Amino acid sequence: MPAQSSDSPGIRQAALDYIEGWYEGNGERMERALQDVRILDIYENASSARVDAGDWVDFLHLAKWNGRWVIVNVLWEMRPAPQAP
């Protein structure tokens, strides 16, 4: 079950700002992206989240800094290409 707290909206917004910013300027590609955000864990001023975005998966480490959630680190992995039948 994904982690939830009163900070969840801020964490989610930071993750969406990151992934939607990546797609900015290419609306067609942005529409194809899943942009699913799952908050995996929250502890005090630290959090981890997962963003499923089309061709890859991003794992984000976030920190609450000056009252705002910001991304400190991103680890990503490409999804495997679909196999031909």
C-alpha atoms as a PDB file:
ATOM      1  CA  MET A   1       0.000   0.000   0.000  1.00  0.00           C
ATOM      2  CA  PRO A   2       1.438   3.413  -0.932  1.00  0.00           C
ATOM      3  CA  ALA A   3       2.525   5.713   1.873  1.00  0.00           C
ATOM      4  CA  GLN A   4       0.207   8.617   2.652  1.00  0.00           C
ATOM      5  CA  SER A   5       0.420  11.654   4.925  1.00  0.00           C
ATOM      6  CA  SER A   6      -0.546  15.311   4.944  1.00  0.00           C
ATOM      7  CA  ASP A   7       2.609  15.830   2.827  1.00  0.00           C
ATOM      8  CA  SER A   8       1.418  13.500   0.055  1.00  0.00           C
ATOM      9  CA  PRO A   9       0.020  16.280  -2.200  1.00  0.00           C
ATOM     10  CA  GLY A  10       3.338  18.177  -2.091  1.00  0.00           C
ATOM     11  CA  ILE A  11       5.356  15.034  -2.839  1.00  0.00           C
ATOM     12  CA  ARG A  12       3.033  14.122  -5.701  1.00  0.00           C
ATOM     13  CA  GLN A  13       3.252  17.662  -7.136  1.00  0.00           C
ATOM     14  CA  ALA A  14       7.070  17.592  -7.079  1.00  0.00           C
ATOM     15  CA  ALA A  15       7.040  14.261  -8.942  1.00  0.00           C
ATOM     16  CA  LEU A  16       4.524  15.547 -11.502  1.00  0.00           C
ATOM     17  CA  ASP A  17       6.489  18.773 -12.007  1.00  0.00           C
ATOM     18  CA  TYR A  18       9.525  16.626 -12.789  1.00  0.00           C
ATOM     19  CA  ILE A  19       7.893  14.235 -15.273  1.00  0.00           C
ATOM     20  CA  GLU A  20       5.589  16.782 -16.924  1.00  0.00           C
ATOM     21  CA  GLY A  21       8.520  19.159 -17.282  1.00  0.00           C
ATOM     22  CA  TRP A  22      10.332  16.417 -19.194  1.00  0.00           C
ATOM     23  CA  TYR A  23       7.516  16.237 -21.699  1.00  0.00           C
ATOM     24  CA  GLU A  24       6.957  19.982 -21.973  1.00  0.00           C
ATOM     25  CA  GLY A  25       6.788  21.088 -25.569  1.00  0.00           C
ATOM     26  CA  ASN A  26       5.685  17.708 -26.903  1.00  0.00           C
ATOM     27  CA  GLY A  27       2.006  17.369 -26.064  1.00  0.00           C
ATOM     28  CA  GLU A  28       1.442  14.233 -28.132  1.00  0.00           C
ATOM     29  CA  ARG A  29       4.161  12.307 -26.333  1.00  0.00           C
ATOM     30  CA  MET A  30       2.972  13.636 -22.977  1.00  0.00           C
ATOM     31  CA  GLU A  31      -0.515  12.275 -23.644  1.00  0.00           C
ATOM     32  CA  ARG A  32       0.937   8.805 -24.273  1.00  0.00           C
ATOM     33  CA  ALA A  33       2.821   8.780 -20.966  1.00  0.00           C
ATOM     34  CA  LEU A  34       1.207   7.057 -18.001  1.00  0.00           C
ATOM     35  CA  GLN A  35       2.513   9.626 -15.455  1.00  0.00           C
ATOM     36  CA  ASP A  36       1.384   7.408 -12.599  1.00  0.00           C
ATOM     37  CA  VAL A  37       2.917   8.570  -9.305  1.00  0.00           C
ATOM     38  CA  ARG A  38       3.094   6.294  -6.261  1.00  0.00           C
ATOM     39  CA  ILE A  39       4.471   7.518  -2.955  1.00  0.00           C
ATOM     40  CA  LEU A  40       6.463   4.584  -1.595  1.00  0.00           C
ATOM     41  CA  ASP A  41       7.550   5.914   1.803  1.00  0.00           C
ATOM     42  CA  ILE A  42       7.494   9.063   3.926  1.00  0.00           C
ATOM     43  CA  TYR A  43       9.588   9.625   7.047  1.00  0.00           C
ATOM     44  CA  GLU A  44       9.768  13.087   8.587  1.00  0.00           C
ATOM     45  CA  ASN A  45      11.303  15.301   5.845  1.00  0.00           C
ATOM     46  CA  ALA A  46      12.331  12.459   3.494  1.00  0.00           C
ATOM     47  CA  SER A  47      10.294  10.525   0.951  1.00  0.00           C
ATOM     48  CA  SER A  48      10.605   8.135  -1.971  1.00  0.00           C
ATOM     49  CA  ALA A  49       8.222   7.938  -4.910  1.00  0.00           C
ATOM     50  CA  ARG A  50       7.869   5.970  -8.149  1.00  0.00           C
ATOM     51  CA  VAL A  51       6.842   7.513 -11.467  1.00  0.00           C
ATOM     52  CA  ASP A  52       5.744   5.180 -14.280  1.00  0.00           C
ATOM     53  CA  ALA A  53       6.232   7.184 -17.453  1.00  0.00           C
ATOM     54  CA  GLY A  54       5.809   5.510 -20.800  1.00  0.00           C
ATOM     55  CA  ASP A  55       9.122   3.916 -21.702  1.00  0.00           C
ATOM     56  CA  TRP A  56      10.771   4.024 -18.275  1.00  0.00           C
ATOM     57  CA  VAL A  57      10.311   3.963 -14.506  1.00  0.00           C
ATOM     58  CA  ASP A  58      11.795   6.689 -12.257  1.00  0.00           C
ATOM     59  CA  PHE A  59      12.466   6.264  -8.541  1.00  0.00           C
ATOM     60  CA  LEU A  60      12.668   9.657  -6.825  1.00  0.00           C
ATOM     61  CA  HIS A  61      14.197  10.629  -3.495  1.00  0.00           C
ATOM     62  CA  LEU A  62      12.613  13.800  -2.163  1.00  0.00           C
ATOM     63  CA  ALA A  63      13.349  16.101   0.765  1.00  0.00           C
ATOM     64  CA  LYS A  64      11.222  18.786   2.377  1.00  0.00           C
ATOM     65  CA  TRP A  65      13.268  21.983   2.149  1.00  0.00           C
ATOM     66  CA  ASN A  66      11.964  25.394   3.237  1.00  0.00           C
ATOM     67  CA  GLY A  67       8.455  23.944   3.436  1.00  0.00           C
ATOM     68  CA  ARG A  68       8.506  22.585  -0.135  1.00  0.00           C
ATOM     69  CA  TRP A  69       9.145  19.047  -1.415  1.00  0.00           C
ATOM     70  CA  VAL A  70      12.090  18.920  -3.836  1.00  0.00           C
ATOM     71  CA  ILE A  71      13.735  16.065  -5.731  1.00  0.00           C
ATOM     72  CA  VAL A  72      17.224  15.219  -4.497  1.00  0.00           C
ATOM     73  CA  ASN A  73      17.948  12.165  -6.642  1.00  0.00           C
ATOM     74  CA  VAL A  74      16.437  10.238  -9.561  1.00  0.00           C
ATOM     75  CA  LEU A  75      17.210   6.610 -10.403  1.00  0.00           C
ATOM     76  CA  TRP A  76      15.605   5.405 -13.622  1.00  0.00           C
ATOM     77  CA  GLU A  77      15.381   2.261 -15.691  1.00  0.00           C
ATOM     78  CA  MET A  78      14.104   1.753 -19.243  1.00  0.00           C
ATOM     79  CA  ARG A  79      11.268  -0.701 -19.746  1.00  0.00           C
ATOM     80  CA  PRO A  80      12.137  -3.688 -21.954  1.00  0.00           C
ATOM     81  CA  ALA A  81      11.133  -3.338 -25.603  1.00  0.00           C
ATOM     82  CA  PRO A  82       8.048  -5.370 -26.537  1.00  0.00           C
ATOM     83  CA  GLN A  83       8.958  -8.726 -28.039  1.00  0.00           C
ATOM     84  CA  ALA A  84       7.792  -9.493 -31.577  1.00  0.00           C
ATOM     85  CA  PRO A  85       5.405 -12.466 -31.782  1.00  0.00           C
END
